[in-house]
Every structure is written in C-alpha cells, then in structure tokens.
Amino acid sequence: MAAGKDLEIADGQAKKKKLIIIIGAAVLLAIVAVAAVLMMSGDSTEPAPAEAGAAEAAVAADPNATANKGSALYVSMPRPFIFNVPGATKDRLVQIKVQLLVRGSNNEETAKVHIPLIESTLLRTFSTSNAEELITVEGKENLKKKALKEVQEALVGVAGSEVVEEVLFTGFVMQ
C-alpha cells in the first residue's frame, strides 16, 4: 500500500511539471507572436504623405520648430569663466560654467572650431555686468540673452550663421 501512495504522489508531481511546461510554452508563444506582429508592422523612416504635409505645415506655422534644425547637442566650454564685477559696496568675484546648445553635428563642429572666439566674446560680455544685476534671477537671464546675442553676432561674422541656439549656465558662483 505504501508503494501505491508513492505512485500517486509521483503521478501528481508529473502533472504539475507538465502544467508548468505547458504554461511556459504558451507564454513563449505569446511573446514570439507579439514580436512577429511588431516586426511585420515595421516603423517606416519616411513619413506617410499626409504626415509629411502636416510636418511641413507645422514648420511653416512655427519657423523656430526643431523639425528641420537637427538634434540638440551641447558644446562645453573647456574651462569656467572667472572674472571680477563691480558692486555697490565691494567688487565681487564670479565664476560661470557655460555650455552651448547647438542643432546638428555641423553646428557642433563649427562651435568647437571657434571656441577661442566664443570664449573671448563671452568673457567680454560677462565682464560688462555688475554685482547688483547678477544677484537677481532676471539679471542672470538678461546676461544669458545678451551673451547669446553677442556670440551669434560674432559667429555670423566668421562662420556665416548663428550656430549657437542658446547659452546655458551650468554653474554660477559669486563671492
């Protein structure tokens, strides 16, 4: 009788193993089916004609749209800018770390080639500010806008295009 009970237990374990194998096979089959459907549908890199027309209309409506500008790339200035600014009671020492936002690899290469010009322009622009302006958020934003304008003007003169889309302060310390 003990031998009969062992057979029943072994038979029950075999059923559980078969059930686990069947469930695993079903899950694997479902995964393969989903992968096949995704691969068959495919992602066409070219937009459908209706989508292309919509993209062109969006660019025409917003000339600053990033669709035709390329991917955003960041060019770091090799060293932080350290300069003195006059204050009402005393002069202050300022350190600003800067990165430039450019669009497309061509503009990235152009910016890297002209880093000495960009550094000179930024340092000249930064050093014209004063401590009272740089204490406020608005003053920092105005300095960024002024720096962007000056850098773009300098690059138009040598590269023929603005190249830089935005000047970003990644570090700002004033003592």
C-alpha atoms as a PDB file:
ATOM      1  CA  MET A   1       0.000   0.000   0.000  1.00  0.00           C
ATOM      2  CA  ALA A   2       2.861   2.330   0.664  1.00  0.00           C
ATOM      3  CA  ALA A   3       4.064   1.701  -2.852  1.00  0.00           C
ATOM      4  CA  GLY A   4       0.673   2.806  -4.214  1.00  0.00           C
ATOM      5  CA  LYS A   5       0.818   6.107  -2.342  1.00  0.00           C
ATOM      6  CA  ASP A   6       4.279   6.820  -3.758  1.00  0.00           C
ATOM      7  CA  LEU A   7       2.947   6.286  -7.251  1.00  0.00           C
ATOM      8  CA  GLU A   8       0.094   8.703  -6.691  1.00  0.00           C
ATOM      9  CA  ILE A   9       2.444  11.406  -5.364  1.00  0.00           C
ATOM     10  CA  ALA A  10       4.854  10.904  -8.247  1.00  0.00           C
ATOM     11  CA  ASP A  11       1.950  10.994 -10.690  1.00  0.00           C
ATOM     12  CA  GLY A  12       0.742  14.323  -9.139  1.00  0.00           C
ATOM     13  CA  GLN A  13       4.204  15.882  -9.432  1.00  0.00           C
ATOM     14  CA  ALA A  14       4.447  14.806 -13.056  1.00  0.00           C
ATOM     15  CA  LYS A  15       1.132  16.556 -13.768  1.00  0.00           C
ATOM     16  CA  LYS A  16       2.407  19.755 -12.110  1.00  0.00           C
ATOM     17  CA  LYS A  17       5.613  19.673 -14.180  1.00  0.00           C
ATOM     18  CA  LYS A  18       3.618  19.140 -17.379  1.00  0.00           C
ATOM     19  CA  LEU A  19       1.349  22.054 -16.454  1.00  0.00           C
ATOM     20  CA  ILE A  20       4.342  24.344 -15.815  1.00  0.00           C
ATOM     21  CA  ILE A  21       5.886  23.349 -19.147  1.00  0.00           C
ATOM     22  CA  ILE A  22       2.627  23.979 -20.995  1.00  0.00           C
ATOM     23  CA  ILE A  23       2.198  27.420 -19.356  1.00  0.00           C
ATOM     24  CA  GLY A  24       5.829  28.327 -20.156  1.00  0.00           C
ATOM     25  CA  ALA A  25       5.372  27.273 -23.770  1.00  0.00           C
ATOM     26  CA  ALA A  26       2.173  29.336 -24.037  1.00  0.00           C
ATOM     27  CA  VAL A  27       3.918  32.438 -22.639  1.00  0.00           C
ATOM     28  CA  LEU A  28       6.858  31.949 -25.013  1.00  0.00           C
ATOM     29  CA  LEU A  29       4.465  31.523 -27.948  1.00  0.00           C
ATOM     30  CA  ALA A  30       2.669  34.734 -26.981  1.00  0.00           C
ATOM     31  CA  ILE A  31       5.967  36.653 -26.805  1.00  0.00           C
ATOM     32  CA  VAL A  32       7.024  35.366 -30.226  1.00  0.00           C
ATOM     33  CA  ALA A  33       3.624  36.311 -31.688  1.00  0.00           C
ATOM     34  CA  VAL A  34       3.838  39.864 -30.321  1.00  0.00           C
ATOM     35  CA  ALA A  35       7.401  40.248 -31.621  1.00  0.00           C
ATOM     36  CA  ALA A  36       6.344  38.984 -35.053  1.00  0.00           C
ATOM     37  CA  VAL A  37       3.443  41.451 -35.220  1.00  0.00           C
ATOM     38  CA  LEU A  38       5.723  44.339 -34.249  1.00  0.00           C
ATOM     39  CA  MET A  39       8.328  43.350 -36.809  1.00  0.00           C
ATOM     40  CA  MET A  40       5.756  42.902 -39.573  1.00  0.00           C
ATOM     41  CA  SER A  41       4.152  46.286 -38.924  1.00  0.00           C
ATOM     42  CA  GLY A  42       7.610  47.924 -39.102  1.00  0.00           C
ATOM     43  CA  ASP A  43       8.499  51.526 -38.482  1.00  0.00           C
ATOM     44  CA  SER A  44       8.969  53.266 -41.783  1.00  0.00           C
ATOM     45  CA  THR A  45      11.559  56.021 -41.505  1.00  0.00           C
ATOM     46  CA  GLU A  46       9.769  58.029 -44.166  1.00  0.00           C
ATOM     47  CA  PRO A  47       6.523  59.657 -43.060  1.00  0.00           C
ATOM     48  CA  ALA A  48       3.319  58.964 -44.909  1.00  0.00           C
ATOM     49  CA  PRO A  49       2.331  61.704 -47.378  1.00  0.00           C
ATOM     50  CA  ALA A  50      -0.311  63.077 -45.007  1.00  0.00           C
ATOM     51  CA  GLU A  51       2.220  63.155 -42.154  1.00  0.00           C
ATOM     52  CA  ALA A  52       4.821  64.885 -44.352  1.00  0.00           C
ATOM     53  CA  GLY A  53       2.311  67.591 -45.275  1.00  0.00           C
ATOM     54  CA  ALA A  54       1.410  68.084 -41.634  1.00  0.00           C
ATOM     55  CA  ALA A  55       5.092  68.399 -40.670  1.00  0.00           C
ATOM     56  CA  GLU A  56       5.675  70.977 -43.405  1.00  0.00           C
ATOM     57  CA  ALA A  57       2.621  72.939 -42.283  1.00  0.00           C
ATOM     58  CA  ALA A  58       3.865  72.882 -38.674  1.00  0.00           C
ATOM     59  CA  VAL A  59       7.287  74.196 -39.726  1.00  0.00           C
ATOM     60  CA  ALA A  60       5.656  76.887 -41.864  1.00  0.00           C
ATOM     61  CA  ALA A  61       3.454  77.931 -38.935  1.00  0.00           C
ATOM     62  CA  ASP A  62       6.367  77.981 -36.454  1.00  0.00           C
ATOM     63  CA  PRO A  63       9.695  78.938 -38.074  1.00  0.00           C
ATOM     64  CA  ASN A  64      11.528  78.068 -34.833  1.00  0.00           C
ATOM     65  CA  ALA A  65      10.285  74.454 -34.910  1.00  0.00           C
ATOM     66  CA  THR A  66      13.045  71.952 -34.311  1.00  0.00           C
ATOM     67  CA  ALA A  67      11.936  69.530 -37.045  1.00  0.00           C
ATOM     68  CA  ASN A  68      14.484  70.772 -39.593  1.00  0.00           C
ATOM     69  CA  LYS A  69      17.135  72.020 -37.178  1.00  0.00           C
ATOM     70  CA  GLY A  70      18.590  68.652 -36.224  1.00  0.00           C
ATOM     71  CA  SER A  71      19.202  67.098 -32.874  1.00  0.00           C
ATOM     72  CA  ALA A  72      20.181  69.164 -29.848  1.00  0.00           C
ATOM     73  CA  LEU A  73      23.863  68.890 -28.986  1.00  0.00           C
ATOM     74  CA  TYR A  74      25.785  70.570 -26.199  1.00  0.00           C
ATOM     75  CA  VAL A  75      29.264  72.049 -26.523  1.00  0.00           C
ATOM     76  CA  SER A  76      31.047  72.615 -23.224  1.00  0.00           C
ATOM     77  CA  MET A  77      33.430  75.464 -22.784  1.00  0.00           C
ATOM     78  CA  PRO A  78      36.758  73.949 -21.741  1.00  0.00           C
ATOM     79  CA  ARG A  79      37.116  75.992 -18.549  1.00  0.00           C
ATOM     80  CA  PRO A  80      34.848  78.153 -16.394  1.00  0.00           C
ATOM     81  CA  PHE A  81      34.818  81.917 -16.807  1.00  0.00           C
ATOM     82  CA  ILE A  82      36.267  83.708 -13.771  1.00  0.00           C
ATOM     83  CA  PHE A  83      36.046  87.489 -13.628  1.00  0.00           C
ATOM     84  CA  ASN A  84      35.506  90.458 -11.306  1.00  0.00           C
ATOM     85  CA  VAL A  85      32.391  92.595 -11.332  1.00  0.00           C
ATOM     86  CA  PRO A  86      31.929  95.909  -9.534  1.00  0.00           C
ATOM     87  CA  GLY A  87      29.399  96.068  -6.715  1.00  0.00           C
ATOM     88  CA  ALA A  88      27.854  98.931  -4.713  1.00  0.00           C
ATOM     89  CA  THR A  89      29.937  98.200  -1.620  1.00  0.00           C
ATOM     90  CA  LYS A  90      32.706  95.970  -2.955  1.00  0.00           C
ATOM     91  CA  ASP A  91      33.832  94.127  -6.070  1.00  0.00           C
ATOM     92  CA  ARG A  92      32.735  90.519  -6.459  1.00  0.00           C
ATOM     93  CA  LEU A  93      34.421  87.500  -7.997  1.00  0.00           C
ATOM     94  CA  VAL A  94      32.181  85.484 -10.338  1.00  0.00           C
ATOM     95  CA  GLN A  95      32.664  82.023 -11.804  1.00  0.00           C
ATOM     96  CA  ILE A  96      30.322  80.825 -14.559  1.00  0.00           C
ATOM     97  CA  LYS A  97      30.416  77.407 -16.248  1.00  0.00           C
ATOM     98  CA  VAL A  98      28.876  77.532 -19.707  1.00  0.00           C
ATOM     99  CA  GLN A  99      27.572  75.080 -22.284  1.00  0.00           C
ATOM    100  CA  LEU A 100      26.241  75.989 -25.704  1.00  0.00           C
ATOM    101  CA  LEU A 101      23.133  74.427 -27.241  1.00  0.00           C
ATOM    102  CA  VAL A 102      23.582  73.833 -30.967  1.00  0.00           C
ATOM    103  CA  ARG A 103      21.493  71.908 -33.504  1.00  0.00           C
ATOM    104  CA  GLY A 104      23.124  69.315 -35.741  1.00  0.00           C
ATOM    105  CA  SER A 105      26.641  67.960 -35.955  1.00  0.00           C
ATOM    106  CA  ASN A 106      27.740  70.630 -38.457  1.00  0.00           C
ATOM    107  CA  ASN A 107      26.972  73.392 -35.966  1.00  0.00           C
ATOM    108  CA  GLU A 108      28.650  71.386 -33.209  1.00  0.00           C
ATOM    109  CA  GLU A 109      31.872  71.148 -35.217  1.00  0.00           C
ATOM    110  CA  THR A 110      31.693  74.841 -36.154  1.00  0.00           C
ATOM    111  CA  ALA A 111      31.269  75.813 -32.485  1.00  0.00           C
ATOM    112  CA  LYS A 112      34.204  73.621 -31.442  1.00  0.00           C
ATOM    113  CA  VAL A 113      36.436  75.164 -34.104  1.00  0.00           C
ATOM    114  CA  HIS A 114      35.573  78.682 -32.919  1.00  0.00           C
ATOM    115  CA  ILE A 115      35.833  78.113 -29.137  1.00  0.00           C
ATOM    116  CA  PRO A 116      38.539  80.806 -28.684  1.00  0.00           C
ATOM    117  CA  LEU A 117      36.289  83.394 -30.347  1.00  0.00           C
ATOM    118  CA  ILE A 118      33.291  82.264 -28.275  1.00  0.00           C
ATOM    119  CA  GLU A 119      35.307  82.376 -25.042  1.00  0.00           C
ATOM    120  CA  SER A 120      36.561  85.862 -25.804  1.00  0.00           C
ATOM    121  CA  THR A 121      33.080  87.106 -26.652  1.00  0.00           C
ATOM    122  CA  LEU A 122      31.544  85.570 -23.524  1.00  0.00           C
ATOM    123  CA  LEU A 123      34.247  86.943 -21.232  1.00  0.00           C
ATOM    124  CA  ARG A 124      33.858  90.427 -22.718  1.00  0.00           C
ATOM    125  CA  THR A 125      30.069  90.224 -22.278  1.00  0.00           C
ATOM    126  CA  PHE A 126      30.229  88.821 -18.737  1.00  0.00           C
ATOM    127  CA  SER A 127      32.712  91.402 -17.521  1.00  0.00           C
ATOM    128  CA  THR A 128      30.416  94.307 -18.506  1.00  0.00           C
ATOM    129  CA  SER A 129      27.844  93.282 -15.888  1.00  0.00           C
ATOM    130  CA  ASN A 130      27.726  94.364 -12.249  1.00  0.00           C
ATOM    131  CA  ALA A 131      27.059  92.540  -8.982  1.00  0.00           C
ATOM    132  CA  GLU A 132      23.604  94.051  -8.423  1.00  0.00           C
ATOM    133  CA  GLU A 133      22.397  92.680 -11.772  1.00  0.00           C
ATOM    134  CA  LEU A 134      23.853  89.221 -11.204  1.00  0.00           C
ATOM    135  CA  ILE A 135      22.230  88.809  -7.785  1.00  0.00           C
ATOM    136  CA  THR A 136      18.750  88.623  -9.313  1.00  0.00           C
ATOM    137  CA  VAL A 137      17.320  85.865 -11.485  1.00  0.00           C
ATOM    138  CA  GLU A 138      16.238  88.437 -14.073  1.00  0.00           C
ATOM    139  CA  GLY A 139      19.775  89.800 -14.191  1.00  0.00           C
ATOM    140  CA  LYS A 140      21.186  86.332 -14.893  1.00  0.00           C
ATOM    141  CA  GLU A 141      18.575  85.737 -17.606  1.00  0.00           C
ATOM    142  CA  ASN A 142      19.381  89.098 -19.195  1.00  0.00           C
ATOM    143  CA  LEU A 143      23.085  88.229 -19.114  1.00  0.00           C
ATOM    144  CA  LYS A 144      22.363  84.905 -20.859  1.00  0.00           C
ATOM    145  CA  LYS A 145      20.311  86.668 -23.547  1.00  0.00           C
ATOM    146  CA  LYS A 146      22.994  89.316 -24.061  1.00  0.00           C
ATOM    147  CA  ALA A 147      25.704  86.619 -24.225  1.00  0.00           C
ATOM    148  CA  LEU A 148      23.687  84.653 -26.804  1.00  0.00           C
ATOM    149  CA  LYS A 149      23.197  87.745 -28.965  1.00  0.00           C
ATOM    150  CA  GLU A 150      26.911  88.631 -28.825  1.00  0.00           C
ATOM    151  CA  VAL A 151      28.065  85.068 -29.583  1.00  0.00           C
ATOM    152  CA  GLN A 152      25.643  84.754 -32.505  1.00  0.00           C
ATOM    153  CA  GLU A 153      26.814  88.071 -33.952  1.00  0.00           C
ATOM    154  CA  ALA A 154      30.466  87.025 -33.638  1.00  0.00           C
ATOM    155  CA  LEU A 155      29.817  83.657 -35.285  1.00  0.00           C
ATOM    156  CA  VAL A 156      27.812  85.174 -38.141  1.00  0.00           C
ATOM    157  CA  GLY A 157      30.883  87.266 -38.946  1.00  0.00           C
ATOM    158  CA  VAL A 158      33.245  84.267 -39.210  1.00  0.00           C
ATOM    159  CA  ALA A 159      31.049  81.220 -39.901  1.00  0.00           C
ATOM    160  CA  GLY A 160      28.206  82.814 -41.855  1.00  0.00           C
ATOM    161  CA  SER A 161      25.466  81.538 -39.497  1.00  0.00           C
ATOM    162  CA  GLU A 162      24.403  81.934 -35.880  1.00  0.00           C
ATOM    163  CA  VAL A 163      25.438  78.321 -34.979  1.00  0.00           C
ATOM    164  CA  VAL A 164      24.517  78.656 -31.269  1.00  0.00           C
ATOM    165  CA  GLU A 165      20.858  78.396 -30.275  1.00  0.00           C
ATOM    166  CA  GLU A 166      21.227  79.002 -26.549  1.00  0.00           C
ATOM    167  CA  VAL A 167      23.850  79.825 -23.923  1.00  0.00           C
ATOM    168  CA  LEU A 168      23.344  77.732 -20.781  1.00  0.00           C
ATOM    169  CA  PHE A 169      24.805  78.448 -17.360  1.00  0.00           C
ATOM    170  CA  THR A 170      25.662  75.086 -15.799  1.00  0.00           C
ATOM    171  CA  GLY A 171      27.395  76.650 -12.809  1.00  0.00           C
ATOM    172  CA  PHE A 172      27.187  80.116 -11.302  1.00  0.00           C
ATOM    173  CA  VAL A 173      29.095  81.243  -8.203  1.00  0.00           C
ATOM    174  CA  MET A 174      29.503  84.807  -6.954  1.00  0.00           C
ATOM    175  CA  GLN A 175      31.602  85.696  -3.891  1.00  0.00           C
END
